[in-house]
Amino acid sequence: MRFNAETDVVVANMRVFRDVPRNSGTRLPGHWGSRIGDTEQSGPLAMIEHRRDASALHTVRPASPRHSGCRALRLALPLLALALALATETACVVRSADHDPIDAALERYRAAFAAMRPSALPPSTSDPNYILFADVLQHVLSSHVKSADPERLIDTAVAGLGKKRQDDRTASERVLTESAIGAMLASLDPYSGFLDAEHVQDVRDQMHGEFPGLGMVVAPDDGSGLLRVVSANANTPAARAGVRSGDLIARIDDREVKGLSLHEAVMTMRGPSGGGVTLLLLRPGNDVPLLVSVTRTMVRSEPVLHRVESGVAYIRITHFTEQTSRLVHEAFDTMRHQTDRELAGVVLDLRDNPGGLFDQGVRVADAFLGAVEIVSTRSRVSGVQHYSGGTGDDVVRDLPLAVLIDSGTTSAAEVVAGALQDHHRALLFGGRSYGKGSVQTIFQLAGGDGLRLTTARYFRPSGGPVECFGIVPNVAITPAGRPPPPGAWPRTTAAEEMHPDPATCDPDAVAPTPPRTWAMTELCPEVASTPPMSELDRSLDCALAALRTRRLDRALTP
């Protein structure tokens, strides 16, 4: 899994719905929103589901009607025999517990929380921390892609409470509550999580492609328990300070990373533009730890890069924001103009793309496919939803298309790659994509906090699942590394494969049909015969050779 250091979210799909029906075969409504890792959404806040009654998201339940009925019975009939009264009371209590297991689970949580308080009293049902926990529990039970047992959820929440109290005897009730919520959500899937109000504000900032940060992507390193730097993009504070891909972050300011959750570590690195953070780095091959100081600045994302490469239009999509589809069209128009419309083909580079706005992924696929089905989602609440292109117009219909993917190709990027492959519009070069095929919704909670919750899984036009299986390329190419953009540090883990933990995969999922494959010697023999060297970009070189010699065109012809 990958996480953006500024957002602390797995680079994967999230979505927020407007009150607009999405019917099978219809075009997506006008988009809103922007990227937060792997986000699918449309709505006024992009990636945040609006609740106008946010202050009343969770109304504490009154006493069960059955309890009230029992009390009324006892008041109305004071002369009943004692035995009858006892029998009535017992029956009411039993029926109430059976009637509402959620209430029973919440009462058990209150009792466990009481043990964490000096007073040993459970929090009142009007306590803000209790309301926050209860609100999250209600969303999980009503909206998560899988049904959950409230008692099991409380078990994990109580375990989270105990662990936090054991680790930090001075933890506030708010911190304890967040720990309980975090443990509960972590038991669901790798992608659900709690977002505090500051994190939600970061989401809003990223809607506009600009936010204060360090400009690097980090992921947990299971072997060391530290944070591994996945990438430190060129011209960002992290890269300028000397942070490299592959570095391990051992300490953030005066706080040891080992023992921190990813969210806690990322929050420690966050702060306003102009502020600084000191990182202690362990670098493979270096015996001495490195201490670097990074000053946060406003990081501006560039979702689309383009150039003409030996008569071929090269378009790299780094992530999917609300501007990505428009920028792809503009990039292609620019290159058409530069070459007087003489192009041999198009390369769409989706490598190391962490996803982003789901509906932008659909729109980009639409630009190359037109009016066909692009993806479908399946959820416990909404059932099956189909997303189709609606333009009927392939902006490069007269040109062959090659797509570059690797294990960093994630979520919305996998939507694009899978649709182009299934409709035989492109050949895919590189390595198997990550395999992030689930959709997250971000719900806004009372007090400005947010909840990121897995609410659906998505499937390719062929019906094949993406979750865990990923997208298999037509031409498998093991990279020897590829040159970084100007100003970036060399990639030290270019050939490293990253995919979901098999334990998180659905054991009953049916594997998609394998695609037709070609060897490098068939489509780019001149590249296949070249010894792999770290300065060569074998996937791109192979795609360019296949396009320029029209081998790719012939391979795509039925």
Protein backbone atom coordinates (compact mmCIF):
# COMPACT_ATOMS: atom_id res chain seq x y z
CA MET A 1 0.00 0.00 0.00
CA ARG A 2 1.11 3.52 -0.67
CA PHE A 3 0.29 6.64 1.21
CA ASN A 4 0.70 10.26 0.34
CA ALA A 5 2.65 11.96 3.08
CA GLU A 6 0.36 14.95 2.90
CA THR A 7 -2.92 13.06 3.11
CA ASP A 8 -2.14 9.79 4.87
CA VAL A 9 -4.40 7.85 2.54
CA VAL A 10 -3.73 4.75 0.55
CA VAL A 11 -3.36 5.71 -3.01
CA ALA A 12 -6.66 4.36 -4.06
CA ASN A 13 -10.41 5.19 -5.08
CA MET A 14 -12.70 7.31 -2.93
CA ARG A 15 -16.01 8.62 -3.89
CA VAL A 16 -18.64 10.99 -2.68
CA PHE A 17 -22.06 11.04 -4.22
CA ARG A 18 -24.25 13.90 -5.25
CA ASP A 19 -27.98 13.38 -5.15
CA VAL A 20 -27.94 12.38 -8.81
CA PRO A 21 -28.91 8.91 -9.98
CA ARG A 22 -26.28 6.98 -11.90
CA ASN A 23 -28.10 4.61 -14.15
CA SER A 24 -26.72 1.84 -16.26
CA GLY A 25 -25.39 3.10 -19.56
CA THR A 26 -25.70 6.79 -18.75
CA ARG A 27 -22.89 9.28 -18.92
CA LEU A 28 -21.38 10.50 -15.71
CA PRO A 29 -22.86 13.74 -14.40
CA GLY A 30 -20.72 16.87 -14.33
CA HIS A 31 -17.75 16.25 -12.10
CA TRP A 32 -16.77 17.94 -8.91
CA GLY A 33 -13.92 17.33 -6.63
CA SER A 34 -10.31 16.43 -6.75
CA ARG A 35 -7.67 13.99 -5.74
CA ILE A 36 -6.98 12.49 -2.40
CA GLY A 37 -4.93 9.50 -3.10
CA ASP A 38 -7.33 7.20 -4.81
CA THR A 39 -10.57 8.98 -4.88
CA GLU A 40 -13.81 8.54 -6.61
CA GLN A 41 -16.35 11.18 -5.99
CA SER A 42 -18.59 13.91 -7.11
CA GLY A 43 -20.09 16.47 -4.79
CA PRO A 44 -19.81 20.03 -3.58
CA LEU A 45 -16.75 19.29 -1.49
CA ALA A 46 -15.26 16.71 -3.78
CA MET A 47 -14.56 13.58 -1.82
CA ILE A 48 -16.60 14.66 1.16
CA GLU A 49 -20.20 13.61 1.40
CA HIS A 50 -22.15 16.61 2.59
CA ARG A 51 -24.37 16.22 5.64
CA ARG A 52 -26.14 19.51 6.18
CA ASP A 53 -27.28 18.29 9.55
CA ALA A 54 -23.72 17.41 10.53
CA SER A 55 -24.29 18.51 14.09
CA ALA A 56 -27.00 15.90 14.35
CA LEU A 57 -25.27 13.10 12.47
CA HIS A 58 -25.70 10.92 15.47
CA THR A 59 -28.69 11.41 17.65
CA VAL A 60 -28.25 9.44 20.81
CA ARG A 61 -30.96 6.86 20.97
CA PRO A 62 -33.61 7.33 23.63
CA ALA A 63 -34.53 4.50 25.89
CA SER A 64 -35.98 1.61 23.96
CA PRO A 65 -39.77 1.82 23.53
CA ARG A 66 -39.97 -1.56 25.16
CA HIS A 67 -38.28 -0.19 28.28
CA SER A 68 -40.72 2.71 28.28
CA GLY A 69 -43.63 0.36 27.86
CA CYS A 70 -42.49 -1.69 30.81
CA ARG A 71 -42.18 1.33 33.05
CA ALA A 72 -45.62 2.51 32.00
CA LEU A 73 -47.02 -0.90 32.78
CA ARG A 74 -45.58 -0.83 36.26
CA LEU A 75 -46.87 2.69 36.96
CA ALA A 76 -50.32 1.96 35.62
CA LEU A 77 -50.75 -1.25 37.60
CA PRO A 78 -49.12 -0.62 41.00
CA LEU A 79 -51.19 -3.28 42.71
CA LEU A 80 -49.98 -6.16 40.55
CA ALA A 81 -48.47 -9.04 42.43
CA LEU A 82 -44.71 -8.88 42.91
CA ALA A 83 -44.18 -12.02 40.88
CA LEU A 84 -46.02 -10.61 37.90
CA ALA A 85 -43.98 -7.39 38.05
CA LEU A 86 -40.71 -9.30 38.12
CA ALA A 87 -41.74 -11.49 35.22
CA THR A 88 -42.73 -8.46 33.17
CA GLU A 89 -39.44 -6.67 33.87
CA THR A 90 -37.39 -9.72 32.90
CA ALA A 91 -39.26 -10.17 29.63
CA CYS A 92 -38.83 -6.50 28.70
CA VAL A 93 -35.09 -6.49 29.31
CA VAL A 94 -34.51 -9.62 27.26
CA ARG A 95 -36.64 -8.41 24.36
CA SER A 96 -34.89 -5.00 24.37
CA ALA A 97 -31.42 -6.54 24.06
CA ASP A 98 -32.62 -8.79 21.25
CA HIS A 99 -34.32 -5.85 19.56
CA ASP A 100 -31.30 -3.60 19.31
CA PRO A 101 -27.83 -5.19 19.32
CA ILE A 102 -26.30 -1.83 18.31
CA ASP A 103 -27.50 -0.24 21.54
CA ALA A 104 -26.17 -3.20 23.49
CA ALA A 105 -22.79 -2.93 21.73
CA LEU A 106 -22.56 0.79 22.44
CA GLU A 107 -23.35 0.21 26.10
CA ARG A 108 -20.52 -2.29 26.26
CA TYR A 109 -18.21 0.31 24.73
CA ARG A 110 -19.28 2.89 27.32
CA ALA A 111 -18.56 0.41 30.08
CA ALA A 112 -15.09 -0.31 28.67
CA PHE A 113 -14.38 3.39 28.34
CA ALA A 114 -15.32 3.90 31.99
CA ALA A 115 -12.28 1.83 32.99
CA MET A 116 -10.09 4.43 31.25
CA ARG A 117 -11.45 7.35 33.28
CA PRO A 118 -10.37 8.45 36.76
CA SER A 119 -14.01 8.58 37.82
CA ALA A 120 -14.63 5.05 36.52
CA LEU A 121 -17.94 6.37 35.18
CA PRO A 122 -19.03 5.70 31.60
CA PRO A 123 -19.22 8.75 29.31
CA SER A 124 -22.67 10.25 29.02
CA THR A 125 -24.57 9.72 25.78
CA SER A 126 -24.18 13.45 25.12
CA ASP A 127 -20.38 13.31 25.46
CA PRO A 128 -18.83 14.54 22.13
CA ASN A 129 -16.28 11.72 22.06
CA TYR A 130 -18.97 9.11 22.60
CA ILE A 131 -21.13 10.70 19.88
CA LEU A 132 -18.17 10.63 17.49
CA PHE A 133 -17.56 6.93 18.12
CA ALA A 134 -21.25 6.06 17.83
CA ASP A 135 -21.53 8.01 14.57
CA VAL A 136 -18.62 6.11 13.03
CA LEU A 137 -20.08 2.79 14.16
CA GLN A 138 -23.42 3.64 12.55
CA HIS A 139 -21.74 4.52 9.23
CA VAL A 140 -19.75 1.28 9.26
CA LEU A 141 -22.81 -0.84 9.91
CA SER A 142 -24.92 0.91 7.28
CA SER A 143 -22.43 1.63 4.47
CA HIS A 144 -19.35 -0.63 4.51
CA VAL A 145 -19.03 -2.92 1.52
CA LYS A 146 -19.34 -5.93 3.83
CA SER A 147 -21.83 -6.45 6.62
CA ALA A 148 -20.28 -6.41 10.07
CA ASP A 149 -21.17 -7.73 13.51
CA PRO A 150 -21.43 -4.82 15.97
CA GLU A 151 -20.12 -6.97 18.82
CA ARG A 152 -16.99 -7.85 16.84
CA LEU A 153 -16.45 -4.20 16.00
CA ILE A 154 -16.71 -3.28 19.68
CA ASP A 155 -14.19 -6.02 20.50
CA THR A 156 -11.61 -4.40 18.23
CA ALA A 157 -12.46 -0.91 19.47
CA VAL A 158 -12.02 -1.93 23.09
CA ALA A 159 -8.71 -3.58 22.22
CA GLY A 160 -7.62 -0.29 20.63
CA LEU A 161 -8.61 1.57 23.80
CA GLY A 162 -6.57 -0.77 25.96
CA LYS A 163 -3.50 -0.63 23.77
CA LYS A 164 -3.47 3.17 23.67
CA ARG A 165 -3.92 3.40 27.45
CA GLN A 166 -1.09 0.91 27.94
CA ASP A 167 1.21 2.82 25.56
CA ASP A 168 0.30 6.29 26.87
CA ARG A 169 -1.06 6.57 30.40
CA THR A 170 -1.70 10.30 29.87
CA ALA A 171 -3.69 9.97 26.64
CA SER A 172 -6.71 12.26 26.52
CA GLU A 173 -10.23 10.97 26.03
CA ARG A 174 -10.16 12.32 22.48
CA VAL A 175 -6.96 10.40 21.74
CA LEU A 176 -8.43 7.26 23.28
CA THR A 177 -11.56 7.65 21.16
CA GLU A 178 -9.55 8.05 17.97
CA SER A 179 -7.54 4.95 18.90
CA ALA A 180 -10.73 2.95 19.38
CA ILE A 181 -12.07 4.18 16.04
CA GLY A 182 -8.76 3.49 14.30
CA ALA A 183 -8.60 -0.08 15.60
CA MET A 184 -12.21 -0.71 14.60
CA LEU A 185 -11.69 0.61 11.06
CA ALA A 186 -8.38 -1.21 10.62
CA SER A 187 -10.21 -4.49 11.26
CA LEU A 188 -12.43 -3.84 8.23
CA ASP A 189 -9.91 -3.41 5.40
CA PRO A 190 -6.60 -1.64 4.69
CA TYR A 191 -8.23 1.46 3.21
CA SER A 192 -10.86 2.61 5.70
CA GLY A 193 -9.72 5.20 8.22
CA PHE A 194 -10.54 8.19 10.40
CA LEU A 195 -9.71 11.73 9.25
CA ASP A 196 -9.52 14.49 11.81
CA ALA A 197 -10.68 18.00 10.92
CA GLU A 198 -7.18 19.07 9.87
CA HIS A 199 -6.93 16.13 7.51
CA VAL A 200 -10.33 16.97 6.03
CA GLN A 201 -9.07 20.50 5.39
CA ASP A 202 -6.10 18.99 3.58
CA VAL A 203 -8.56 17.19 1.32
CA ARG A 204 -10.22 20.48 0.48
CA ASP A 205 -6.84 22.03 -0.28
CA GLN A 206 -5.88 19.19 -2.57
CA MET A 207 -9.10 19.67 -4.52
CA HIS A 208 -7.35 22.67 -6.02
CA GLY A 209 -4.06 20.85 -6.67
CA GLU A 210 -2.16 22.93 -4.12
CA PHE A 211 -1.39 22.20 -0.48
CA PRO A 212 1.32 22.76 2.13
CA GLY A 213 3.60 19.78 2.49
CA LEU A 214 6.89 17.98 1.90
CA GLY A 215 6.12 16.51 -1.52
CA MET A 216 6.85 12.84 -0.89
CA VAL A 217 4.97 9.54 -0.77
CA VAL A 218 5.62 7.16 2.12
CA ALA A 219 4.55 3.63 3.04
CA PRO A 220 5.00 1.42 6.10
CA ASP A 221 8.10 -0.77 5.95
CA ASP A 222 7.07 -4.08 7.47
CA GLY A 223 10.62 -5.34 8.01
CA SER A 224 11.86 -2.40 10.06
CA GLY A 225 8.65 -0.90 11.43
CA LEU A 226 9.73 2.45 9.98
CA LEU A 227 8.40 4.56 7.10
CA ARG A 228 9.82 3.96 3.64
CA VAL A 229 9.99 6.82 1.15
CA VAL A 230 8.31 5.57 -2.02
CA SER A 231 9.03 8.73 -3.99
CA ALA A 232 10.24 12.28 -3.45
CA ASN A 233 9.11 14.13 -6.53
CA ALA A 234 11.38 16.58 -8.30
CA ASN A 235 11.29 20.23 -7.26
CA THR A 236 9.59 19.45 -3.95
CA PRO A 237 10.89 20.33 -0.47
CA ALA A 238 11.76 16.69 0.25
CA ALA A 239 13.81 16.22 -2.93
CA ARG A 240 15.61 19.53 -2.49
CA ALA A 241 16.54 18.57 1.08
CA GLY A 242 18.11 15.33 -0.15
CA VAL A 243 15.39 12.77 0.60
CA ARG A 244 15.57 9.83 -1.82
CA SER A 245 13.27 6.98 -2.79
CA GLY A 246 14.09 3.98 -0.61
CA ASP A 247 15.11 6.01 2.44
CA LEU A 248 13.73 4.84 5.77
CA ILE A 249 12.43 7.52 8.13
CA ALA A 250 13.45 6.57 11.67
CA ARG A 251 12.64 9.77 13.53
CA ILE A 252 10.51 12.84 12.89
CA ASP A 253 11.77 15.79 14.91
CA ASP A 254 12.18 14.25 18.38
CA ARG A 255 9.63 11.49 17.88
CA GLU A 256 10.62 7.91 17.08
CA VAL A 257 8.70 6.46 14.13
CA LYS A 258 8.72 2.87 15.37
CA GLY A 259 5.52 2.26 17.27
CA LEU A 260 3.60 5.04 15.52
CA SER A 261 0.70 4.34 13.22
CA LEU A 262 1.02 5.67 9.69
CA HIS A 263 -1.58 8.33 10.48
CA GLU A 264 0.30 9.46 13.59
CA ALA A 265 3.59 9.66 11.70
CA VAL A 266 2.10 11.63 8.84
CA MET A 267 0.34 14.02 11.22
CA THR A 268 3.71 14.64 12.89
CA MET A 269 5.15 15.72 9.53
CA ARG A 270 2.23 17.97 8.67
CA GLY A 271 2.04 21.66 9.33
CA PRO A 272 1.72 25.09 7.76
CA SER A 273 3.76 26.26 4.81
CA GLY A 274 7.07 27.75 5.95
CA GLY A 275 7.39 25.47 8.96
CA GLY A 276 10.15 22.92 9.20
CA VAL A 277 10.53 19.26 10.12
CA THR A 278 13.73 17.31 10.81
CA LEU A 279 13.97 13.73 9.57
CA LEU A 280 16.44 11.05 10.62
CA LEU A 281 16.98 8.84 7.56
CA LEU A 282 18.47 5.38 7.20
CA ARG A 283 19.71 4.95 3.64
CA PRO A 284 20.50 1.53 2.16
CA GLY A 285 24.24 1.31 1.61
CA ASN A 286 25.03 4.04 4.16
CA ASP A 287 26.33 3.06 7.57
CA VAL A 288 25.70 6.48 9.12
CA PRO A 289 22.14 7.83 9.58
CA LEU A 290 21.39 11.10 7.81
CA LEU A 291 19.74 14.09 9.44
CA VAL A 292 17.91 16.38 7.01
CA SER A 293 15.77 19.45 7.60
CA VAL A 294 12.81 19.99 5.27
CA THR A 295 10.87 23.24 5.03
CA ARG A 296 7.24 22.86 3.99
CA THR A 297 6.09 24.85 0.99
CA MET A 298 2.97 24.98 -1.12
CA VAL A 299 3.18 21.86 -3.26
CA ARG A 300 1.54 22.26 -6.66
CA SER A 301 0.59 19.08 -8.42
CA GLU A 302 1.14 18.57 -12.14
CA PRO A 303 -1.29 15.80 -13.04
CA VAL A 304 -0.41 15.70 -16.76
CA LEU A 305 3.00 15.95 -18.45
CA HIS A 306 3.56 15.61 -22.18
CA ARG A 307 6.14 15.77 -24.96
CA VAL A 308 6.70 14.51 -28.49
CA GLU A 309 9.09 11.55 -28.39
CA SER A 310 10.50 10.57 -31.80
CA GLY A 311 7.24 11.26 -33.60
CA VAL A 312 5.10 9.69 -30.87
CA ALA A 313 2.84 11.65 -28.51
CA TYR A 314 3.89 10.85 -24.92
CA ILE A 315 1.38 11.69 -22.15
CA ARG A 316 2.18 10.94 -18.53
CA ILE A 317 -0.63 11.13 -15.98
CA THR A 318 0.84 11.43 -12.49
CA HIS A 319 -2.54 11.35 -10.69
CA PHE A 320 -6.21 12.10 -11.29
CA THR A 321 -7.44 15.50 -10.16
CA GLU A 322 -10.47 17.43 -11.29
CA GLN A 323 -8.33 18.89 -14.10
CA THR A 324 -6.81 15.69 -15.48
CA SER A 325 -9.26 14.92 -18.29
CA ARG A 326 -9.18 18.48 -19.60
CA LEU A 327 -5.37 18.58 -19.46
CA VAL A 328 -5.10 15.30 -21.38
CA HIS A 329 -7.19 16.78 -24.20
CA GLU A 330 -5.14 19.98 -24.19
CA ALA A 331 -1.85 18.04 -24.19
CA PHE A 332 -2.84 16.01 -27.20
CA ASP A 333 -4.08 19.08 -29.09
CA THR A 334 -0.77 20.82 -28.39
CA MET A 335 1.28 17.90 -29.68
CA ARG A 336 -0.90 17.56 -32.77
CA HIS A 337 -0.24 21.22 -33.51
CA GLN A 338 3.51 20.89 -32.88
CA THR A 339 3.84 17.99 -35.34
CA ASP A 340 1.36 19.30 -37.92
CA ARG A 341 -0.81 16.30 -37.03
CA GLU A 342 1.88 13.83 -38.09
CA LEU A 343 2.14 11.34 -35.22
CA ALA A 344 2.98 7.64 -35.28
CA GLY A 345 0.98 6.86 -32.16
CA VAL A 346 0.38 7.67 -28.51
CA VAL A 347 2.02 6.42 -25.31
CA LEU A 348 -0.05 6.87 -22.15
CA ASP A 349 2.22 6.47 -19.11
CA LEU A 350 0.34 5.43 -15.95
CA ARG A 351 3.33 4.11 -14.01
CA ASP A 352 3.58 5.14 -10.37
CA ASN A 353 0.14 6.72 -10.68
CA PRO A 354 -1.53 6.44 -7.25
CA GLY A 355 -5.01 7.03 -8.63
CA GLY A 356 -7.14 9.94 -7.56
CA LEU A 357 -10.56 11.07 -8.57
CA PHE A 358 -12.50 8.07 -9.85
CA ASP A 359 -14.75 10.00 -12.19
CA GLN A 360 -11.69 11.56 -13.83
CA GLY A 361 -10.36 8.08 -14.48
CA VAL A 362 -13.63 7.31 -16.26
CA ARG A 363 -13.41 10.54 -18.27
CA VAL A 364 -9.85 9.86 -19.38
CA ALA A 365 -10.83 6.36 -20.53
CA ASP A 366 -13.82 7.95 -22.29
CA ALA A 367 -11.44 10.21 -24.23
CA PHE A 368 -9.84 7.14 -25.84
CA LEU A 369 -12.88 4.85 -26.04
CA GLY A 370 -16.09 6.79 -26.53
CA ALA A 371 -19.54 5.41 -25.71
CA VAL A 372 -18.75 2.00 -24.19
CA GLU A 373 -18.85 0.63 -20.67
CA ILE A 374 -15.71 1.60 -18.77
CA VAL A 375 -16.19 0.19 -15.27
CA SER A 376 -18.85 -1.03 -12.87
CA THR A 377 -19.06 -0.93 -9.09
CA ARG A 378 -20.78 -3.29 -6.68
CA SER A 379 -21.80 -2.32 -3.19
CA ARG A 380 -23.91 -3.79 -0.41
CA VAL A 381 -26.15 -0.70 -0.36
CA SER A 382 -26.50 0.36 -4.00
CA GLY A 383 -25.97 -2.89 -5.84
CA VAL A 384 -24.36 -2.74 -9.28
CA GLN A 385 -23.66 0.64 -10.89
CA HIS A 386 -22.38 0.94 -14.47
CA TYR A 387 -20.19 3.79 -15.73
CA SER A 388 -20.02 4.36 -19.47
CA GLY A 389 -18.37 6.88 -21.74
CA GLY A 390 -20.76 9.32 -23.33
CA THR A 391 -18.81 11.36 -25.84
CA GLY A 392 -18.84 8.82 -28.64
CA ASP A 393 -15.53 10.38 -29.64
CA ASP A 394 -12.02 8.93 -29.42
CA VAL A 395 -9.68 11.92 -29.53
CA VAL A 396 -6.94 9.77 -31.08
CA ARG A 397 -9.08 7.26 -32.95
CA ASP A 398 -6.72 7.25 -35.94
CA LEU A 399 -3.64 6.42 -33.85
CA PRO A 400 -2.46 3.22 -32.13
CA LEU A 401 -2.15 3.47 -28.36
CA ALA A 402 0.35 1.96 -25.91
CA VAL A 403 -0.13 2.15 -22.14
CA LEU A 404 2.68 1.78 -19.60
CA ILE A 405 1.83 0.27 -16.20
CA ASP A 406 3.68 -1.10 -13.18
CA SER A 407 2.97 -2.09 -9.60
CA GLY A 408 2.61 1.60 -8.77
CA THR A 409 -0.35 1.89 -11.16
CA THR A 410 -3.26 2.07 -8.75
CA SER A 411 -7.02 2.43 -8.58
CA ALA A 412 -8.35 5.09 -10.97
CA ALA A 413 -5.29 4.45 -13.14
CA GLU A 414 -6.25 0.77 -13.17
CA VAL A 415 -9.75 1.74 -14.30
CA VAL A 416 -8.21 3.39 -17.38
CA ALA A 417 -5.75 0.58 -18.12
CA GLY A 418 -8.33 -2.17 -17.65
CA ALA A 419 -10.92 -0.51 -19.88
CA LEU A 420 -8.43 0.19 -22.69
CA GLN A 421 -7.21 -3.40 -22.57
CA ASP A 422 -10.65 -5.01 -22.41
CA HIS A 423 -11.89 -3.02 -25.41
CA HIS A 424 -8.70 -3.87 -27.36
CA ARG A 425 -7.97 -0.18 -27.78
CA ALA A 426 -4.40 -0.42 -26.46
CA LEU A 427 -1.63 -2.82 -25.58
CA LEU A 428 -0.23 -2.59 -22.06
CA PHE A 429 3.54 -2.69 -21.48
CA GLY A 430 5.35 -3.21 -18.18
CA GLY A 431 4.43 -5.02 -14.98
CA ARG A 432 1.23 -6.06 -13.22
CA SER A 433 -0.59 -3.12 -11.67
CA TYR A 434 -1.06 -2.81 -7.93
CA GLY A 435 -4.56 -4.30 -7.54
CA LYS A 436 -6.54 -1.63 -5.70
CA GLY A 437 -10.10 -2.27 -6.82
CA SER A 438 -12.18 -0.86 -3.99
CA VAL A 439 -13.99 2.45 -3.67
CA GLN A 440 -13.88 4.64 -0.58
CA THR A 441 -16.45 7.23 0.42
CA ILE A 442 -15.48 10.06 2.73
CA PHE A 443 -18.31 11.03 5.06
CA GLN A 444 -18.15 14.31 6.93
CA LEU A 445 -18.78 13.88 10.64
CA ALA A 446 -19.88 16.28 13.34
CA GLY A 447 -17.20 18.73 14.38
CA GLY A 448 -15.49 18.72 10.99
CA ASP A 449 -13.93 15.26 11.20
CA GLY A 450 -14.23 12.75 8.37
CA LEU A 451 -14.59 9.02 7.84
CA ARG A 452 -13.01 7.23 4.89
CA LEU A 453 -14.95 4.01 4.39
CA THR A 454 -14.75 1.28 1.75
CA THR A 455 -18.22 1.21 0.23
CA ALA A 456 -17.87 -0.66 -3.08
CA ARG A 457 -15.57 -2.70 -5.30
CA TYR A 458 -15.12 -2.06 -8.98
CA PHE A 459 -14.89 -4.40 -11.94
CA ARG A 460 -13.56 -4.16 -15.48
CA PRO A 461 -15.85 -4.09 -18.55
CA SER A 462 -15.11 -7.81 -19.00
CA GLY A 463 -16.46 -8.40 -15.48
CA GLY A 464 -13.07 -9.25 -14.01
CA PRO A 465 -12.21 -7.94 -10.54
CA VAL A 466 -9.29 -5.55 -10.05
CA GLU A 467 -8.93 -5.97 -6.29
CA CYS A 468 -5.70 -7.88 -5.59
CA PHE A 469 -5.49 -9.31 -9.14
CA GLY A 470 -4.51 -6.00 -10.71
CA ILE A 471 -4.14 -5.54 -14.47
CA VAL A 472 -1.77 -7.91 -16.28
CA PRO A 473 0.17 -6.31 -19.17
CA ASN A 474 0.12 -7.64 -22.72
CA VAL A 475 3.89 -7.26 -22.92
CA ALA A 476 5.65 -8.11 -19.65
CA ILE A 477 8.80 -6.07 -19.13
CA THR A 478 10.95 -6.20 -16.03
CA PRO A 479 12.38 -2.73 -15.59
CA ALA A 480 16.07 -2.26 -15.07
CA GLY A 481 15.16 1.16 -13.80
CA ARG A 482 14.25 4.29 -15.64
CA PRO A 483 15.85 7.72 -15.60
CA PRO A 484 14.26 10.18 -13.18
CA PRO A 485 13.00 13.56 -14.33
CA PRO A 486 15.47 16.45 -14.06
CA GLY A 487 16.22 17.35 -10.46
CA ALA A 488 14.96 14.06 -9.00
CA TRP A 489 17.02 11.48 -7.19
CA PRO A 490 17.58 8.11 -8.92
CA ARG A 491 14.99 5.44 -8.20
CA THR A 492 16.65 2.93 -5.91
CA THR A 493 13.73 0.48 -5.95
CA ALA A 494 12.71 0.62 -9.60
CA ALA A 495 12.11 -3.12 -9.92
CA GLU A 496 10.37 -3.55 -6.57
CA GLU A 497 6.90 -5.06 -6.85
CA MET A 498 4.22 -3.89 -4.41
CA HIS A 499 0.80 -5.51 -4.21
CA PRO A 500 -1.92 -5.90 -1.55
CA ASP A 501 -1.48 -8.31 1.31
CA PRO A 502 -3.07 -11.59 0.12
CA ALA A 503 -4.78 -11.82 3.52
CA THR A 504 -6.92 -8.83 2.54
CA CYS A 505 -8.10 -10.43 -0.71
CA ASP A 506 -11.45 -12.09 -1.26
CA PRO A 507 -10.75 -15.85 -1.29
CA ASP A 508 -13.91 -16.46 -3.34
CA ALA A 509 -13.08 -13.95 -6.09
CA VAL A 510 -12.90 -15.41 -9.60
CA ALA A 511 -9.67 -14.49 -11.36
CA PRO A 512 -10.10 -12.45 -14.55
CA THR A 513 -9.39 -14.05 -17.91
CA PRO A 514 -5.69 -13.63 -18.75
CA PRO A 515 -5.08 -11.23 -21.65
CA ARG A 516 -3.38 -12.15 -24.90
CA THR A 517 0.34 -11.62 -24.49
CA TRP A 518 3.33 -10.89 -26.70
CA ALA A 519 7.03 -11.26 -26.00
CA MET A 520 9.36 -8.27 -26.28
CA THR A 521 11.10 -10.09 -29.12
CA GLU A 522 7.87 -9.92 -31.14
CA LEU A 523 7.04 -6.23 -30.67
CA CYS A 524 10.41 -4.62 -29.94
CA PRO A 525 13.25 -7.03 -30.79
CA GLU A 526 15.71 -4.12 -30.97
CA VAL A 527 15.02 -3.34 -27.31
CA ALA A 528 14.85 -6.98 -26.20
CA SER A 529 18.34 -7.57 -27.58
CA THR A 530 19.80 -4.66 -25.62
CA PRO A 531 21.30 -5.59 -22.23
CA PRO A 532 19.20 -4.14 -19.40
CA MET A 533 20.86 -1.08 -17.91
CA SER A 534 19.63 1.20 -15.15
CA GLU A 535 19.67 4.26 -17.39
CA LEU A 536 17.30 2.67 -19.91
CA ASP A 537 13.52 2.89 -19.76
CA ARG A 538 12.75 -0.50 -21.29
CA SER A 539 8.96 -0.21 -21.14
CA LEU A 540 8.90 3.16 -22.86
CA ASP A 541 11.58 2.17 -25.39
CA CYS A 542 9.68 -1.00 -26.28
CA ALA A 543 6.39 0.88 -26.71
CA LEU A 544 8.03 3.53 -28.90
CA ALA A 545 9.68 0.89 -31.09
CA ALA A 546 6.41 -1.04 -31.46
CA LEU A 547 4.60 2.15 -32.50
CA ARG A 548 7.22 3.49 -34.90
CA THR A 549 7.53 0.13 -36.71
CA ARG A 550 3.72 -0.35 -36.73
CA ARG A 551 4.12 -3.73 -35.02
CA LEU A 552 1.71 -2.55 -32.34
CA ASP A 553 -0.81 -1.48 -34.98
CA ARG A 554 -0.70 -4.93 -36.53
CA ALA A 555 -1.00 -6.61 -33.13
CA LEU A 556 -4.17 -4.63 -32.38
CA THR A 557 -5.74 -5.57 -35.73
CA PRO A 558 -8.16 -8.51 -35.27
